[in-house]
Amino acid sequence: MGICIHILLSRITTIFMAHHSNEPQVTVLPPDKEKIKKLWTVAGILGAVTAVEFVIAFTMSHGPAKTAIFVILTIVKAGYIVGEFMHLRYEVKVLFWAILIPTLFIIWMLVAFVYEGMQMPVF
């Protein structure tokens, strides 16, 4: 039984390979050294910011300053990722500011609501 399956599979493979032998060959281009260097640079910058976050996480005591630093560093990393990987950094500056300014207002609104909510007396 095993020999029959082996023969059947070898014939199917032969037929399949013969059918696809007329397809065009794929040529592989040499790697673009500049793009690879840019990716490593971006990875290094994001890794450095993450390392700073780890140092702050394990050395600072808990409190509003630590939370604010984490929020700021997270926004910096998110902005860098959007700028590099979504190519927003290379777009028209008006588009960049049209996205950044409303985002800053939303963050300001959330901080203001949380602050005001903490100041309200408990009912």
N, C-alpha and C. Protein backbone atom coordinates (compact mmCIF):
# COMPACT_ATOMS: atom_id res chain seq x y z
N MET A 1 0.83 -1.19 0.00
CA MET A 1 0.00 0.00 0.00
C MET A 1 0.88 1.26 0.00
N GLY A 2 1.93 1.23 0.82
CA GLY A 2 2.82 2.39 0.89
C GLY A 2 3.53 2.65 -0.42
N ILE A 3 3.91 1.57 -1.13
CA ILE A 3 4.60 1.72 -2.41
C ILE A 3 3.65 2.32 -3.45
N CYS A 4 2.39 1.92 -3.41
CA CYS A 4 1.40 2.46 -4.36
C CYS A 4 1.20 3.95 -4.13
N ILE A 5 1.13 4.37 -2.87
CA ILE A 5 0.94 5.79 -2.56
C ILE A 5 2.18 6.57 -3.02
N HIS A 6 3.36 6.01 -2.80
CA HIS A 6 4.59 6.68 -3.21
C HIS A 6 4.62 6.86 -4.73
N ILE A 7 4.26 5.83 -5.46
CA ILE A 7 4.25 5.92 -6.93
C ILE A 7 3.22 6.92 -7.39
N LEU A 8 2.03 6.90 -6.77
CA LEU A 8 0.97 7.85 -7.14
C LEU A 8 1.41 9.28 -6.88
N LEU A 9 2.02 9.53 -5.72
CA LEU A 9 2.48 10.88 -5.40
C LEU A 9 3.59 11.33 -6.34
N SER A 10 4.49 10.44 -6.71
CA SER A 10 5.57 10.83 -7.62
C SER A 10 5.02 11.16 -9.00
N ARG A 11 3.99 10.44 -9.44
CA ARG A 11 3.39 10.75 -10.75
C ARG A 11 2.65 12.09 -10.70
N ILE A 12 1.94 12.34 -9.60
CA ILE A 12 1.23 13.62 -9.46
C ILE A 12 2.23 14.77 -9.44
N THR A 13 3.33 14.59 -8.73
CA THR A 13 4.36 15.62 -8.66
C THR A 13 4.97 15.86 -10.04
N THR A 14 5.20 14.80 -10.79
CA THR A 14 5.76 14.93 -12.14
C THR A 14 4.81 15.68 -13.05
N ILE A 15 3.52 15.33 -12.97
CA ILE A 15 2.52 16.02 -13.79
C ILE A 15 2.43 17.49 -13.39
N PHE A 16 2.42 17.75 -12.08
CA PHE A 16 2.31 19.12 -11.59
C PHE A 16 3.52 19.95 -12.01
N MET A 17 4.70 19.40 -11.90
CA MET A 17 5.92 20.13 -12.27
C MET A 17 5.98 20.35 -13.78
N ALA A 18 5.50 19.39 -14.57
CA ALA A 18 5.51 19.55 -16.02
C ALA A 18 4.54 20.64 -16.44
N HIS A 19 3.45 20.74 -15.72
CA HIS A 19 2.44 21.73 -16.04
C HIS A 19 2.95 23.15 -15.78
N HIS A 20 3.75 23.33 -14.74
CA HIS A 20 4.20 24.66 -14.34
C HIS A 20 5.60 25.00 -14.85
N SER A 21 6.17 24.20 -15.72
CA SER A 21 7.53 24.47 -16.17
C SER A 21 7.61 25.61 -17.17
N ASN A 22 6.50 26.03 -17.76
CA ASN A 22 6.51 27.10 -18.76
C ASN A 22 6.29 28.48 -18.16
N GLU A 23 6.19 28.58 -16.86
CA GLU A 23 5.97 29.88 -16.23
C GLU A 23 7.25 30.71 -16.28
N PRO A 24 7.11 32.03 -16.31
CA PRO A 24 8.30 32.88 -16.36
C PRO A 24 9.11 32.77 -15.07
N GLN A 25 10.40 32.96 -15.21
CA GLN A 25 11.30 32.90 -14.07
C GLN A 25 11.24 34.21 -13.29
N VAL A 26 11.35 34.10 -11.99
CA VAL A 26 11.36 35.26 -11.12
C VAL A 26 12.80 35.68 -10.90
N THR A 27 13.08 36.96 -11.15
CA THR A 27 14.43 37.46 -10.90
C THR A 27 14.45 38.20 -9.57
N VAL A 28 15.44 37.92 -8.78
CA VAL A 28 15.57 38.54 -7.47
C VAL A 28 16.54 39.70 -7.59
N LEU A 29 16.08 40.87 -7.18
CA LEU A 29 16.93 42.05 -7.23
C LEU A 29 17.88 42.05 -6.03
N PRO A 30 19.03 42.67 -6.17
CA PRO A 30 19.93 42.75 -5.01
C PRO A 30 19.31 43.64 -3.93
N PRO A 31 19.62 43.38 -2.67
CA PRO A 31 19.02 44.17 -1.60
C PRO A 31 19.45 45.64 -1.67
N ASP A 32 18.52 46.52 -1.34
CA ASP A 32 18.80 47.95 -1.32
C ASP A 32 19.42 48.30 0.02
N LYS A 33 20.70 48.56 0.03
CA LYS A 33 21.44 48.81 1.28
C LYS A 33 20.92 50.05 2.01
N GLU A 34 20.49 51.05 1.27
CA GLU A 34 19.99 52.28 1.88
C GLU A 34 18.70 52.03 2.66
N LYS A 35 17.80 51.23 2.09
CA LYS A 35 16.55 50.92 2.78
C LYS A 35 16.80 50.07 4.02
N ILE A 36 17.72 49.14 3.92
CA ILE A 36 18.05 48.30 5.07
C ILE A 36 18.66 49.15 6.18
N LYS A 37 19.52 50.09 5.83
CA LYS A 37 20.12 50.98 6.82
C LYS A 37 19.05 51.84 7.49
N LYS A 38 18.08 52.32 6.71
CA LYS A 38 17.00 53.15 7.26
C LYS A 38 16.14 52.33 8.23
N LEU A 39 15.84 51.07 7.88
CA LEU A 39 15.06 50.23 8.78
C LEU A 39 15.79 49.98 10.10
N TRP A 40 17.10 49.75 10.03
CA TRP A 40 17.87 49.54 11.26
C TRP A 40 17.93 50.82 12.09
N THR A 41 17.98 51.97 11.42
CA THR A 41 17.98 53.24 12.15
C THR A 41 16.67 53.44 12.89
N VAL A 42 15.56 53.18 12.20
CA VAL A 42 14.25 53.31 12.83
C VAL A 42 14.12 52.33 13.99
N ALA A 43 14.56 51.10 13.80
CA ALA A 43 14.50 50.10 14.87
C ALA A 43 15.36 50.53 16.05
N GLY A 44 16.52 51.13 15.78
CA GLY A 44 17.39 51.60 16.86
C GLY A 44 16.77 52.73 17.65
N ILE A 45 16.15 53.67 16.96
CA ILE A 45 15.51 54.80 17.66
C ILE A 45 14.35 54.31 18.52
N LEU A 46 13.51 53.44 17.95
CA LEU A 46 12.39 52.90 18.72
C LEU A 46 12.88 52.05 19.89
N GLY A 47 13.96 51.31 19.68
CA GLY A 47 14.53 50.52 20.77
C GLY A 47 15.11 51.40 21.87
N ALA A 48 15.72 52.51 21.50
CA ALA A 48 16.27 53.43 22.50
C ALA A 48 15.16 54.06 23.34
N VAL A 49 14.09 54.48 22.71
CA VAL A 49 12.97 55.07 23.45
C VAL A 49 12.35 54.01 24.37
N THR A 50 12.23 52.79 23.89
CA THR A 50 11.70 51.71 24.72
C THR A 50 12.63 51.41 25.88
N ALA A 51 13.93 51.47 25.67
CA ALA A 51 14.89 51.26 26.75
C ALA A 51 14.74 52.34 27.82
N VAL A 52 14.54 53.58 27.39
CA VAL A 52 14.32 54.68 28.34
C VAL A 52 13.05 54.40 29.15
N GLU A 53 12.00 53.92 28.48
CA GLU A 53 10.77 53.59 29.20
C GLU A 53 11.01 52.49 30.24
N PHE A 54 11.80 51.48 29.89
CA PHE A 54 12.10 50.43 30.86
C PHE A 54 12.88 50.96 32.04
N VAL A 55 13.86 51.82 31.79
CA VAL A 55 14.64 52.39 32.89
C VAL A 55 13.73 53.20 33.81
N ILE A 56 12.86 53.99 33.23
CA ILE A 56 11.93 54.79 34.05
C ILE A 56 10.98 53.89 34.82
N ALA A 57 10.52 52.81 34.17
CA ALA A 57 9.56 51.92 34.83
C ALA A 57 10.14 51.27 36.08
N PHE A 58 11.43 50.96 36.05
CA PHE A 58 12.02 50.24 37.18
C PHE A 58 12.80 51.12 38.14
N THR A 59 12.95 52.41 37.85
CA THR A 59 13.71 53.27 38.76
C THR A 59 12.86 54.34 39.43
N MET A 60 11.83 54.83 38.76
CA MET A 60 11.00 55.89 39.35
C MET A 60 9.89 55.30 40.19
N SER A 61 9.50 56.06 41.21
CA SER A 61 8.36 55.63 42.02
C SER A 61 7.07 55.98 41.28
N HIS A 62 6.01 55.29 41.63
CA HIS A 62 4.74 55.51 40.96
C HIS A 62 4.20 56.89 41.30
N GLY A 63 3.59 57.53 40.33
CA GLY A 63 3.02 58.84 40.54
C GLY A 63 2.66 59.51 39.23
N PRO A 64 2.17 60.74 39.32
CA PRO A 64 1.74 61.43 38.10
C PRO A 64 2.90 61.76 37.15
N ALA A 65 4.09 62.01 37.69
CA ALA A 65 5.24 62.32 36.83
C ALA A 65 5.62 61.12 35.97
N LYS A 66 5.62 59.95 36.57
CA LYS A 66 5.94 58.73 35.82
C LYS A 66 4.89 58.47 34.75
N THR A 67 3.63 58.66 35.08
CA THR A 67 2.55 58.47 34.11
C THR A 67 2.67 59.46 32.97
N ALA A 68 2.97 60.72 33.29
CA ALA A 68 3.11 61.74 32.25
C ALA A 68 4.27 61.43 31.31
N ILE A 69 5.38 60.97 31.88
CA ILE A 69 6.54 60.61 31.05
C ILE A 69 6.19 59.46 30.12
N PHE A 70 5.48 58.46 30.64
CA PHE A 70 5.09 57.33 29.80
C PHE A 70 4.15 57.76 28.68
N VAL A 71 3.21 58.63 28.99
CA VAL A 71 2.28 59.11 27.96
C VAL A 71 3.03 59.88 26.89
N ILE A 72 3.94 60.74 27.30
CA ILE A 72 4.71 61.55 26.34
C ILE A 72 5.58 60.64 25.46
N LEU A 73 6.28 59.69 26.08
CA LEU A 73 7.14 58.79 25.29
C LEU A 73 6.32 57.91 24.36
N THR A 74 5.13 57.51 24.78
CA THR A 74 4.26 56.72 23.91
C THR A 74 3.80 57.54 22.72
N ILE A 75 3.47 58.78 22.94
CA ILE A 75 3.05 59.66 21.84
C ILE A 75 4.22 59.90 20.89
N VAL A 76 5.42 60.07 21.44
CA VAL A 76 6.61 60.25 20.60
C VAL A 76 6.83 59.02 19.72
N LYS A 77 6.74 57.83 20.32
CA LYS A 77 6.94 56.61 19.54
C LYS A 77 5.84 56.44 18.49
N ALA A 78 4.60 56.72 18.86
CA ALA A 78 3.50 56.59 17.90
C ALA A 78 3.67 57.56 16.74
N GLY A 79 4.07 58.79 17.05
CA GLY A 79 4.30 59.77 15.99
C GLY A 79 5.44 59.37 15.07
N TYR A 80 6.49 58.81 15.64
CA TYR A 80 7.62 58.38 14.83
C TYR A 80 7.24 57.21 13.93
N ILE A 81 6.47 56.27 14.48
CA ILE A 81 6.02 55.13 13.69
C ILE A 81 5.12 55.59 12.56
N VAL A 82 4.19 56.48 12.85
CA VAL A 82 3.31 57.00 11.80
C VAL A 82 4.11 57.77 10.76
N GLY A 83 5.07 58.54 11.21
CA GLY A 83 5.88 59.32 10.28
C GLY A 83 6.72 58.47 9.36
N GLU A 84 7.30 57.41 9.89
CA GLU A 84 8.20 56.58 9.09
C GLU A 84 7.46 55.51 8.29
N PHE A 85 6.65 54.71 8.96
CA PHE A 85 6.07 53.55 8.29
C PHE A 85 4.83 53.90 7.48
N MET A 86 4.14 54.97 7.84
CA MET A 86 2.99 55.40 7.03
C MET A 86 3.39 56.55 6.11
N HIS A 87 4.66 56.89 6.11
CA HIS A 87 5.25 57.90 5.22
C HIS A 87 4.62 59.28 5.39
N LEU A 88 4.04 59.55 6.55
CA LEU A 88 3.45 60.86 6.79
C LEU A 88 4.51 61.93 6.93
N ARG A 89 5.70 61.52 7.33
CA ARG A 89 6.81 62.47 7.49
C ARG A 89 7.20 63.10 6.16
N TYR A 90 6.98 62.38 5.09
CA TYR A 90 7.40 62.84 3.78
C TYR A 90 6.25 63.50 3.00
N GLU A 91 5.10 63.62 3.64
CA GLU A 91 3.96 64.26 2.98
C GLU A 91 4.03 65.77 3.19
N VAL A 92 3.04 66.44 2.67
CA VAL A 92 2.93 67.89 2.83
C VAL A 92 2.74 68.20 4.33
N LYS A 93 3.40 69.22 4.80
CA LYS A 93 3.34 69.57 6.23
C LYS A 93 1.94 69.91 6.69
N VAL A 94 1.11 70.43 5.80
CA VAL A 94 -0.27 70.77 6.17
C VAL A 94 -1.03 69.51 6.57
N LEU A 95 -0.82 68.40 5.84
CA LEU A 95 -1.47 67.14 6.17
C LEU A 95 -0.99 66.65 7.53
N PHE A 96 0.30 66.77 7.78
CA PHE A 96 0.86 66.35 9.07
C PHE A 96 0.21 67.12 10.22
N TRP A 97 0.14 68.43 10.10
CA TRP A 97 -0.46 69.25 11.16
C TRP A 97 -1.96 69.05 11.25
N ALA A 98 -2.62 68.74 10.13
CA ALA A 98 -4.06 68.50 10.16
C ALA A 98 -4.39 67.24 10.95
N ILE A 99 -3.45 66.31 11.04
CA ILE A 99 -3.65 65.11 11.85
C ILE A 99 -3.17 65.33 13.28
N LEU A 100 -2.06 66.03 13.45
CA LEU A 100 -1.46 66.19 14.77
C LEU A 100 -2.26 67.11 15.69
N ILE A 101 -2.71 68.24 15.18
CA ILE A 101 -3.41 69.21 16.04
C ILE A 101 -4.71 68.66 16.62
N PRO A 102 -5.59 68.04 15.83
CA PRO A 102 -6.78 67.45 16.46
C PRO A 102 -6.45 66.35 17.47
N THR A 103 -5.40 65.60 17.22
CA THR A 103 -5.00 64.56 18.17
C THR A 103 -4.55 65.20 19.48
N LEU A 104 -3.80 66.28 19.41
CA LEU A 104 -3.38 66.98 20.63
C LEU A 104 -4.57 67.55 21.39
N PHE A 105 -5.56 68.08 20.68
CA PHE A 105 -6.76 68.60 21.34
C PHE A 105 -7.55 67.48 22.02
N ILE A 106 -7.62 66.32 21.40
CA ILE A 106 -8.32 65.19 22.02
C ILE A 106 -7.60 64.75 23.29
N ILE A 107 -6.27 64.70 23.23
CA ILE A 107 -5.51 64.33 24.42
C ILE A 107 -5.69 65.37 25.51
N TRP A 108 -5.65 66.65 25.14
CA TRP A 108 -5.87 67.72 26.13
C TRP A 108 -7.26 67.60 26.75
N MET A 109 -8.26 67.30 25.92
CA MET A 109 -9.63 67.16 26.42
C MET A 109 -9.73 66.00 27.41
N LEU A 110 -9.10 64.87 27.10
CA LEU A 110 -9.15 63.73 28.01
C LEU A 110 -8.47 64.05 29.34
N VAL A 111 -7.33 64.71 29.27
CA VAL A 111 -6.63 65.08 30.51
C VAL A 111 -7.48 66.05 31.32
N ALA A 112 -8.09 67.02 30.67
CA ALA A 112 -8.93 67.99 31.37
C ALA A 112 -10.14 67.32 32.00
N PHE A 113 -10.77 66.39 31.30
CA PHE A 113 -11.94 65.70 31.86
C PHE A 113 -11.55 64.85 33.06
N VAL A 114 -10.42 64.17 32.97
CA VAL A 114 -9.98 63.35 34.11
C VAL A 114 -9.65 64.24 35.29
N TYR A 115 -8.98 65.35 35.05
CA TYR A 115 -8.62 66.27 36.14
C TYR A 115 -9.87 66.84 36.79
N GLU A 116 -10.80 67.31 35.97
CA GLU A 116 -12.04 67.87 36.52
C GLU A 116 -12.86 66.80 37.23
N GLY A 117 -12.84 65.59 36.71
CA GLY A 117 -13.58 64.51 37.37
C GLY A 117 -13.00 64.17 38.72
N MET A 118 -11.69 64.30 38.86
CA MET A 118 -11.07 64.03 40.16
C MET A 118 -11.32 65.15 41.15
N GLN A 119 -11.63 66.34 40.68
CA GLN A 119 -11.85 67.48 41.57
C GLN A 119 -13.29 67.57 42.06
N MET A 120 -14.20 66.86 41.40
CA MET A 120 -15.61 66.94 41.78
C MET A 120 -15.83 66.24 43.12
N PRO A 121 -16.69 66.81 43.96
CA PRO A 121 -16.99 66.12 45.23
C PRO A 121 -17.78 64.83 44.97
N VAL A 122 -17.63 63.87 45.83
CA VAL A 122 -18.34 62.60 45.69
C VAL A 122 -19.79 62.80 46.12
N PHE A 123 -20.71 62.39 45.28
CA PHE A 123 -22.12 62.57 45.60
C PHE A 123 -22.64 61.41 46.40
